[in-house]
Every structure is written in C-alpha cells, then in structure tokens.
Amino acid sequence: MDPEQVHRKIIHLDMDAFYASVDQRDFPEYRGKAIAVGGSPDGRGVVATASYEARKFGVKSAMSSRKALQLCPHIIFTYPRFDVYRQVSYQIREIFLRYTDLIEPLSLDEAFLDVTIDKQGIGSAIDIAKAIKEAIQEELNLTVSAGVSVNKFVAKIASDMDKPNGLTFIGPSKIVKFMESLPVDKFFGVGKVTAKKMHELGLFTGLDLKKQREEDLVRWFGKTGHFFYRIVRGIDDRPVVPNRSSKSVGIEDTFGEDVEAFEELNTILQRLCKQLWTRIGKKEISGRTLTIKIKYADFVQLTRSITLENSFDSEDKIYATAHSLLSKVELLNKVRLLGVSISNFVEEADFPKEGIQLTLFEHRP
C-alpha cells in the first residue's frame, strides 16, 4: 500500500446479542440466564437472538426452538419486542450522529461509520470508537463491539474478532499480512458454498487466494473473483452510504386461513412467482437475489435468499429457485403469509452476496 496515501477512517459497530441484551437489561430476572428471543418452550418457532449464556451451549440465531431446547434444556424463551428494539436502535443512531453524518445502517444493531472527518474534531477513529462504546454503555446499559480500519471489509471482520464488548484496530501497515493469514471462511461475503469450493481448490487462507491469477479467480467464482483479487490485497474502495435503502420488487399473500401442507404452499408460491415475473417485466429490471418470506401463525417471520452470478431471466428460473428454497424450510408451524421478491438489481450489484441465508426479521401481531 502507498505510504503517502490518505486513508479513510472506517468504524464498524455491531451490538452484542442485541435483542437478548435489551431483554436482559429490561428484565432483571433474565440477567445471567440463557435466554432466546423468539421461539417457544413447546419447540415451535425459531430463535431470533440468543444471549451469550445460551450461545455457550451452541444455541444460535435462526435455530429451531426444538434444537435450542436439546442443546440447552434450561433456556428461557422471550417474545420479541421489536418496537422496543427499534427505539433503542434510534437511540444508538443518535449517539453515532454526535460524531458523523456518514452512517450506513446494515440492520437495527449494526452500522458502518466514516469518521475520516468527524464533527468533534477528535481525529482518531480509535478514540471515537471508544467514546461511542462508553456512551452506549453509560446511557443505554448495553455493549457494542467495534472494528476500526481504513475500509469497510476489514472493519467488518475486525468488529467480530473480540466479542462481546471488544474493540479491534487493524491499521494500514497490518492489513496485507492480516488478509494473508485470514481463513477464507472468515471473509465477509463468503458463505458455506463458496468456502467449500475454495477448499476443494486448495484455497484455505488469504495468501492462497493472493497467489492466484485474477483471471483464474474470475473463472472459478465469476465476477466475485475480481473482488477477491482486490480485497486480499487490502483494496476496498466502497464508500459508506448514508440512508442506504434495500431496493426490491416483490409480491406476497396473507392467507384467510393458515396453511400447513407444503403442497398447498408450493401451489401458492408458483402463482406468486408468475405475478412477480409480470411485475419485474413491466418495470424492465432484473436482479440477482431471490428471497422468499414466510410468516408463521405465531407471527415469527423468516426469509431465505439466494444470489446468482447472473440475473433471474425467466419465470421458470424464479419458480425453480423459490421452490428449492421453500423445500429447505423446516415448517415449524402453520403459515399465514408467503412472499417472494427480487433484489440486488444488476446495475447496483457492487458487493458479493452468495449462498443461502436465513434471517429472522421483525414482526408484530
């Protein structure tokens, strides 16, 4: 890296077990206990967030309640309070705004901040991160982990290195060595499918990737190969984008009566995919990410997504992919809503998103 280069100052902040930590803060009887936000003692539903006491037993987000109970029989299930979590998220954002307006929220509990020029003239990204951590602790009685570096990719990885309540700085002079030693599984944006393919190719660390020619990486991983070639060299020019919106086109159906049979859900899904294809055709757009949304009778909501190297260019392709995702869902309860959407439009695809992701989103009865 050019020693004369003026580096950006990027902070990635990730709240620690956010939903569970808020519940433990608000209800003293939960403190120090293994709790899971979402799910239920009867084994139905899925876990949104687990406290660190529960994580010691292997309980994870998006795990079925049944599995969580097997791993941690004394776990306590709490009903999600998304209005409260959203309000706390606003309070956290207000703390961020004391230092910069360049805030890119990724979810209720994490965000990128660009503090290259900060409002208070502090100058040090590390000192700003410390000040934010102290403010969140003192004012909200919560903890957050921070990663500080010169680009988003490294800052994101750094924030996960010393959880909970950690602060990790990876400076310009250490990035190349850090990236070379980093296991490919830890690369932000590399999921199980790509990691498996990399291992099959004998690629286990950043250094292994760095030894490859760019054209070979592109041949193996498509356009994402360009990204791998750059990032393993510490090159990530993506800016922090304030008020970033998630653009998508979708269609969904809330049923008059809850649906339990997979066959019936699949028939509804086929109809939704047909309507979606018509809708994106009218808008003359194409996207690479397809997402199905399921809301259970108990109002727990989850999504499964998959991103392709090329866009979804036919109704058949949309339905076949959506059907594959639906077939992988463990139907833990009757379903009251089903939806399907297309996002990551071709012209805006600037970062690798891959594999199948399970995410629990906010829901209210």
Protein backbone atom coordinates (compact mmCIF):
# COMPACT_ATOMS: atom_id res chain seq x y z
CA MET A 1 0.00 0.00 0.00
CA ASP A 2 1.22 3.51 -0.84
CA PRO A 3 2.62 5.05 2.36
CA GLU A 4 1.70 8.50 1.05
CA GLN A 5 -1.95 7.52 0.54
CA VAL A 6 -4.52 9.35 2.66
CA HIS A 7 -6.55 6.63 4.32
CA ARG A 8 -10.18 6.73 5.28
CA LYS A 9 -11.19 6.07 8.88
CA ILE A 10 -13.97 3.49 9.00
CA ILE A 11 -15.67 2.05 12.07
CA HIS A 12 -17.98 -0.95 12.03
CA LEU A 13 -20.15 -1.19 15.15
CA ASP A 14 -22.08 -4.35 15.99
CA MET A 15 -24.27 -4.56 19.09
CA ASP A 16 -23.66 -7.63 21.25
CA ALA A 17 -26.58 -10.12 21.20
CA PHE A 18 -28.78 -7.07 20.70
CA TYR A 19 -32.35 -8.32 21.24
CA ALA A 20 -31.33 -10.63 24.09
CA SER A 21 -29.20 -7.93 25.73
CA VAL A 22 -32.09 -5.44 25.66
CA ASP A 23 -34.37 -8.03 27.28
CA GLN A 24 -31.77 -8.81 29.94
CA ARG A 25 -31.36 -5.10 30.61
CA ASP A 26 -35.09 -4.50 30.99
CA PHE A 27 -35.95 -7.64 32.98
CA PRO A 28 -33.60 -8.35 35.92
CA GLU A 29 -34.82 -11.95 36.16
CA TYR A 30 -33.18 -12.69 32.79
CA ARG A 31 -29.73 -11.37 33.68
CA GLY A 32 -27.05 -14.01 33.65
CA LYS A 33 -29.54 -16.51 32.25
CA ALA A 34 -29.60 -18.41 28.97
CA ILE A 35 -32.38 -16.75 27.00
CA ALA A 36 -33.57 -16.91 23.41
CA VAL A 37 -35.62 -14.18 21.81
CA GLY A 38 -38.26 -15.86 19.63
CA GLY A 39 -39.30 -19.47 19.57
CA SER A 40 -41.30 -21.17 22.32
CA PRO A 41 -40.96 -23.82 25.04
CA ASP A 42 -43.13 -26.24 23.03
CA GLY A 43 -40.39 -26.45 20.41
CA ARG A 44 -42.20 -24.44 17.73
CA GLY A 45 -40.72 -21.40 16.04
CA VAL A 46 -37.16 -20.23 15.61
CA VAL A 47 -34.63 -18.28 17.65
CA ALA A 48 -34.05 -14.66 16.62
CA THR A 49 -31.16 -13.98 19.01
CA ALA A 50 -29.58 -15.93 21.85
CA SER A 51 -27.85 -14.45 24.87
CA TYR A 52 -24.17 -15.24 25.35
CA GLU A 53 -25.11 -17.55 28.22
CA ALA A 54 -27.16 -19.59 25.71
CA ARG A 55 -24.51 -19.39 23.00
CA LYS A 56 -22.10 -21.27 25.27
CA PHE A 57 -24.37 -24.29 24.73
CA GLY A 58 -24.36 -23.85 20.95
CA VAL A 59 -27.67 -22.01 20.59
CA LYS A 60 -27.62 -19.73 17.53
CA SER A 61 -29.84 -17.33 15.64
CA ALA A 62 -32.26 -18.98 13.18
CA MET A 63 -32.07 -22.27 15.08
CA SER A 64 -35.34 -24.08 15.75
CA SER A 65 -36.65 -23.91 19.30
CA ARG A 66 -36.60 -27.70 19.38
CA LYS A 67 -32.86 -27.77 18.69
CA ALA A 68 -32.21 -24.97 21.18
CA LEU A 69 -34.00 -26.95 23.89
CA GLN A 70 -31.96 -30.02 23.11
CA LEU A 71 -28.73 -28.07 23.47
CA CYS A 72 -29.83 -26.01 26.47
CA PRO A 73 -32.80 -27.55 28.34
CA HIS A 74 -32.98 -24.67 30.83
CA ILE A 75 -33.18 -21.96 28.16
CA ILE A 76 -35.78 -19.21 28.63
CA PHE A 77 -37.76 -18.09 25.58
CA THR A 78 -38.86 -14.43 25.39
CA TYR A 79 -41.34 -12.89 22.97
CA PRO A 80 -39.70 -10.37 20.60
CA ARG A 81 -40.40 -6.68 21.37
CA PHE A 82 -39.45 -5.09 18.07
CA ASP A 83 -40.97 -1.73 18.94
CA VAL A 84 -38.54 -1.57 21.88
CA TYR A 85 -35.55 -2.79 19.84
CA ARG A 86 -36.35 -0.24 17.14
CA GLN A 87 -36.50 2.57 19.68
CA VAL A 88 -33.15 1.53 21.19
CA SER A 89 -31.72 1.42 17.67
CA TYR A 90 -32.81 5.05 17.19
CA GLN A 91 -31.06 5.97 20.44
CA ILE A 92 -27.87 4.26 19.27
CA ARG A 93 -28.04 6.14 15.97
CA GLU A 94 -28.35 9.44 17.86
CA ILE A 95 -25.07 8.62 19.59
CA PHE A 96 -23.43 7.90 16.22
CA LEU A 97 -24.66 11.24 14.89
CA ARG A 98 -22.65 13.10 17.52
CA TYR A 99 -19.54 12.16 15.57
CA THR A 100 -20.51 11.85 11.90
CA ASP A 101 -23.41 12.03 9.45
CA LEU A 102 -21.82 9.34 7.27
CA ILE A 103 -23.66 6.37 8.77
CA GLU A 104 -24.64 3.29 6.80
CA PRO A 105 -27.01 1.12 8.85
CA LEU A 106 -26.96 -2.58 7.95
CA SER A 107 -29.70 -3.57 10.40
CA LEU A 108 -31.14 -2.42 13.72
CA ASP A 109 -27.95 -3.46 15.51
CA GLU A 110 -25.01 -2.70 13.23
CA ALA A 111 -23.66 0.08 11.05
CA PHE A 112 -20.64 1.48 9.26
CA LEU A 113 -19.39 4.95 10.17
CA ASP A 114 -16.97 7.05 8.15
CA VAL A 115 -15.15 9.32 10.62
CA THR A 116 -12.39 10.49 8.30
CA ILE A 117 -13.68 13.95 9.16
CA ASP A 118 -15.56 13.87 12.47
CA LYS A 119 -17.88 16.52 13.85
CA GLN A 120 -15.97 16.98 17.09
CA GLY A 121 -12.52 17.19 15.53
CA ILE A 122 -11.23 14.25 17.55
CA GLY A 123 -9.21 12.92 14.63
CA SER A 124 -8.61 9.40 15.99
CA ALA A 125 -11.06 6.72 14.85
CA ILE A 126 -9.99 4.57 17.79
CA ASP A 127 -10.83 7.34 20.26
CA ILE A 128 -14.18 7.89 18.55
CA ALA A 129 -14.97 4.18 18.75
CA LYS A 130 -14.08 4.21 22.46
CA ALA A 131 -16.28 7.25 23.05
CA ILE A 132 -19.22 5.60 21.27
CA LYS A 133 -18.76 2.39 23.25
CA GLU A 134 -18.66 4.34 26.53
CA ALA A 135 -21.77 6.35 25.63
CA ILE A 136 -23.76 3.23 24.72
CA GLN A 137 -22.67 1.57 27.95
CA GLU A 138 -23.38 4.56 30.19
CA GLU A 139 -26.57 5.83 28.55
CA LEU A 140 -28.21 2.62 27.35
CA ASN A 141 -26.59 -0.01 29.59
CA LEU A 142 -25.66 -2.10 26.55
CA THR A 143 -22.38 -3.15 24.94
CA VAL A 144 -21.17 -2.93 21.37
CA SER A 145 -18.15 -4.34 19.59
CA ALA A 146 -16.17 -2.15 17.20
CA GLY A 147 -13.82 -2.74 14.32
CA VAL A 148 -11.63 0.10 13.07
CA SER A 149 -9.71 0.18 9.82
CA VAL A 150 -9.29 2.03 6.53
CA ASN A 151 -12.03 0.20 4.63
CA LYS A 152 -15.39 -1.44 5.22
CA PHE A 153 -14.31 -5.03 4.59
CA VAL A 154 -11.55 -5.10 7.19
CA ALA A 155 -13.54 -3.05 9.72
CA LYS A 156 -16.42 -5.52 9.47
CA ILE A 157 -14.16 -8.50 10.13
CA ALA A 158 -12.36 -6.67 12.94
CA SER A 159 -15.58 -5.99 14.86
CA ASP A 160 -16.18 -9.73 15.20
CA MET A 161 -12.70 -10.57 16.48
CA ASP A 162 -13.15 -9.67 20.14
CA LYS A 163 -16.82 -10.10 21.00
CA PRO A 164 -18.50 -9.15 23.21
CA ASN A 165 -17.61 -5.55 24.06
CA GLY A 166 -14.41 -5.58 22.01
CA LEU A 167 -12.50 -3.01 20.01
CA THR A 168 -10.09 -4.17 17.31
CA PHE A 169 -7.93 -1.87 15.18
CA ILE A 170 -6.27 -3.11 12.02
CA GLY A 171 -4.10 -0.35 10.63
CA PRO A 172 -2.88 0.17 7.06
CA SER A 173 0.53 -1.40 7.68
CA LYS A 174 -1.06 -4.60 9.03
CA ILE A 175 -3.85 -5.14 6.52
CA VAL A 176 -1.90 -7.12 3.94
CA LYS A 177 -0.46 -9.53 6.50
CA PHE A 178 -3.85 -9.79 8.19
CA MET A 179 -5.61 -10.63 4.93
CA GLU A 180 -2.97 -13.19 4.00
CA SER A 181 -3.43 -15.08 7.28
CA LEU A 182 -7.23 -14.85 7.35
CA PRO A 183 -9.07 -18.15 6.69
CA VAL A 184 -11.28 -17.86 3.62
CA ASP A 185 -14.25 -18.91 5.76
CA LYS A 186 -13.89 -15.64 7.66
CA PHE A 187 -14.08 -13.43 4.57
CA PHE A 188 -17.15 -11.21 4.81
CA GLY A 189 -19.41 -12.31 1.96
CA VAL A 190 -18.03 -15.85 1.69
CA GLY A 191 -20.67 -18.39 2.62
CA LYS A 192 -20.56 -22.14 3.02
CA VAL A 193 -20.94 -22.88 -0.70
CA THR A 194 -18.05 -20.67 -1.82
CA ALA A 195 -15.88 -21.71 1.14
CA LYS A 196 -16.38 -25.37 0.21
CA LYS A 197 -15.43 -24.67 -3.40
CA MET A 198 -12.34 -22.77 -2.27
CA HIS A 199 -11.26 -25.66 -0.07
CA GLU A 200 -11.72 -28.07 -2.96
CA LEU A 201 -9.39 -25.84 -4.99
CA GLY A 202 -6.81 -25.89 -2.20
CA LEU A 203 -7.57 -22.33 -1.10
CA PHE A 204 -7.70 -22.05 2.68
CA THR A 205 -6.24 -18.61 3.51
CA GLY A 206 -5.99 -15.18 2.01
CA LEU A 207 -2.43 -15.97 1.00
CA ASP A 208 -3.68 -18.93 -1.03
CA LEU A 209 -6.05 -16.58 -2.84
CA LYS A 210 -3.34 -14.00 -3.34
CA LYS A 211 -1.18 -16.49 -5.21
CA GLN A 212 -3.88 -16.96 -7.86
CA ARG A 213 -4.18 -15.02 -11.07
CA GLU A 214 -7.17 -12.70 -11.31
CA GLU A 215 -8.43 -14.43 -14.45
CA ASP A 216 -8.41 -17.77 -12.65
CA LEU A 217 -10.38 -16.37 -9.72
CA VAL A 218 -12.93 -14.96 -12.15
CA ARG A 219 -13.12 -18.30 -13.97
CA TRP A 220 -13.80 -20.10 -10.68
CA PHE A 221 -16.04 -17.56 -8.93
CA GLY A 222 -17.44 -15.32 -11.66
CA LYS A 223 -17.39 -11.55 -11.16
CA THR A 224 -16.80 -12.04 -7.45
CA GLY A 225 -13.31 -13.21 -8.41
CA HIS A 226 -12.39 -9.59 -9.16
CA PHE A 227 -13.44 -8.68 -5.63
CA PHE A 228 -11.39 -11.49 -4.07
CA TYR A 229 -8.34 -10.42 -6.07
CA ARG A 230 -8.62 -6.86 -4.75
CA ILE A 231 -9.68 -7.45 -1.18
CA VAL A 232 -6.91 -9.93 -0.38
CA ARG A 233 -4.58 -7.06 -1.25
CA GLY A 234 -6.41 -4.76 1.14
CA ILE A 235 -8.18 -2.83 -1.62
CA ASP A 236 -11.80 -1.90 -0.87
CA ASP A 237 -12.97 1.47 -2.17
CA ARG A 238 -16.65 1.12 -1.34
CA PRO A 239 -17.89 4.28 0.39
CA VAL A 240 -20.06 4.44 3.49
CA VAL A 241 -23.51 5.18 2.05
CA PRO A 242 -25.89 7.02 4.41
CA ASN A 243 -29.58 6.04 4.45
CA ARG A 244 -28.93 3.10 2.20
CA SER A 245 -32.22 1.57 1.11
CA SER A 246 -32.86 -2.03 0.24
CA LYS A 247 -34.37 -1.98 -3.25
CA SER A 248 -36.53 -4.89 -4.23
CA VAL A 249 -39.64 -5.86 -6.14
CA GLY A 250 -41.86 -8.45 -4.54
CA ILE A 251 -45.29 -9.87 -4.05
CA GLU A 252 -46.83 -11.61 -1.07
CA ASP A 253 -50.11 -13.12 0.06
CA THR A 254 -51.63 -13.22 3.55
CA PHE A 255 -53.98 -16.19 3.77
CA GLY A 256 -57.53 -16.12 5.08
CA GLU A 257 -56.77 -19.42 6.82
CA ASP A 258 -53.34 -20.61 7.91
CA VAL A 259 -51.73 -23.13 5.58
CA GLU A 260 -49.90 -26.22 6.82
CA ALA A 261 -49.36 -28.50 3.79
CA PHE A 262 -46.22 -28.00 1.71
CA GLU A 263 -48.10 -28.87 -1.47
CA GLU A 264 -50.58 -26.06 -0.92
CA LEU A 265 -47.80 -23.59 -0.14
CA ASN A 266 -45.98 -24.65 -3.28
CA THR A 267 -49.07 -24.01 -5.40
CA ILE A 268 -49.37 -20.53 -3.91
CA LEU A 269 -45.66 -19.95 -4.49
CA GLN A 270 -46.00 -20.83 -8.16
CA ARG A 271 -48.76 -18.25 -8.54
CA LEU A 272 -46.69 -15.60 -6.73
CA CYS A 273 -43.67 -16.27 -8.95
CA LYS A 274 -45.83 -15.78 -12.05
CA GLN A 275 -47.09 -12.45 -10.69
CA LEU A 276 -43.57 -11.40 -9.75
CA TRP A 277 -42.27 -12.15 -13.25
CA THR A 278 -45.03 -9.98 -14.71
CA ARG A 279 -44.23 -7.17 -12.29
CA ILE A 280 -40.48 -7.04 -12.94
CA GLY A 281 -41.17 -7.31 -16.67
CA LYS A 282 -43.29 -4.16 -16.53
CA LYS A 283 -40.53 -2.36 -14.63
CA GLU A 284 -37.91 -3.62 -17.13
CA ILE A 285 -35.47 -4.59 -14.41
CA SER A 286 -33.55 -7.72 -13.49
CA GLY A 287 -31.95 -8.82 -10.24
CA ARG A 288 -29.56 -11.45 -8.93
CA THR A 289 -31.06 -12.12 -5.49
CA LEU A 290 -34.29 -14.01 -4.90
CA THR A 291 -35.89 -14.08 -1.47
CA ILE A 292 -38.86 -15.97 -0.12
CA LYS A 293 -40.60 -14.74 3.02
CA ILE A 294 -42.61 -16.88 5.40
CA LYS A 295 -44.65 -15.65 8.34
CA TYR A 296 -45.91 -18.33 10.70
CA ALA A 297 -49.22 -18.35 12.54
CA ASP A 298 -47.38 -17.15 15.68
CA PHE A 299 -46.11 -14.16 13.65
CA VAL A 300 -42.50 -15.32 13.61
CA GLN A 301 -41.14 -14.32 10.22
CA LEU A 302 -38.12 -15.64 8.35
CA THR A 303 -36.58 -15.36 4.92
CA ARG A 304 -34.34 -17.47 2.76
CA SER A 305 -32.35 -15.88 -0.04
CA ILE A 306 -30.03 -16.97 -2.78
CA THR A 307 -27.88 -14.84 -5.07
CA LEU A 308 -26.78 -15.96 -8.51
CA GLU A 309 -23.87 -14.79 -10.64
CA ASN A 310 -26.36 -13.86 -13.36
CA SER A 311 -29.81 -12.30 -13.08
CA PHE A 312 -33.12 -14.17 -12.92
CA ASP A 313 -34.18 -14.00 -16.56
CA SER A 314 -37.27 -16.21 -16.71
CA GLU A 315 -40.37 -17.13 -14.75
CA ASP A 316 -39.24 -20.76 -14.71
CA LYS A 317 -35.91 -19.80 -13.18
CA ILE A 318 -37.62 -17.74 -10.49
CA TYR A 319 -40.05 -20.51 -9.59
CA ALA A 320 -37.46 -23.30 -9.65
CA THR A 321 -35.21 -21.33 -7.30
CA ALA A 322 -38.04 -20.28 -5.00
CA HIS A 323 -39.30 -23.87 -4.86
CA SER A 324 -35.81 -25.07 -3.92
CA LEU A 325 -35.62 -22.54 -1.09
CA LEU A 326 -39.08 -23.40 0.19
CA SER A 327 -38.28 -27.10 0.21
CA LYS A 328 -35.36 -26.44 2.56
CA VAL A 329 -37.52 -24.65 5.14
CA GLU A 330 -38.49 -26.65 8.20
CA LEU A 331 -42.19 -25.83 8.58
CA LEU A 332 -42.31 -25.39 12.34
CA ASN A 333 -45.82 -24.02 12.41
CA LYS A 334 -48.78 -23.22 10.17
CA VAL A 335 -48.08 -20.42 7.70
CA ARG A 336 -50.15 -17.25 7.43
CA LEU A 337 -48.12 -15.36 4.79
CA LEU A 338 -45.89 -16.26 1.86
CA GLY A 339 -43.93 -13.85 -0.29
CA VAL A 340 -41.25 -13.79 -2.97
CA SER A 341 -39.08 -10.90 -4.16
CA ILE A 342 -36.21 -9.99 -6.47
CA SER A 343 -33.44 -7.57 -5.40
CA ASN A 344 -29.75 -6.83 -5.97
CA PHE A 345 -30.54 -5.34 -9.34
CA VAL A 346 -27.83 -5.89 -11.91
CA GLU A 347 -26.79 -2.28 -12.15
CA GLU A 348 -26.41 -1.95 -8.36
CA ALA A 349 -24.60 -5.21 -7.59
CA ASP A 350 -21.37 -3.90 -6.10
CA PHE A 351 -20.56 -6.48 -3.48
CA PRO A 352 -20.57 -10.27 -3.38
CA LYS A 353 -23.60 -11.79 -1.73
CA GLU A 354 -23.81 -15.52 -2.01
CA GLY A 355 -25.28 -18.70 -0.79
CA ILE A 356 -28.41 -19.32 1.20
CA GLN A 357 -29.00 -17.03 4.13
CA LEU A 358 -31.58 -17.41 6.87
CA THR A 359 -32.56 -14.20 8.54
CA LEU A 360 -35.21 -13.52 11.15
CA PHE A 361 -36.89 -10.20 10.51
CA GLU A 362 -39.05 -8.06 12.72
CA HIS A 363 -42.68 -8.96 13.18
CA ARG A 364 -45.63 -7.63 15.11
CA PRO A 365 -49.00 -9.24 15.77
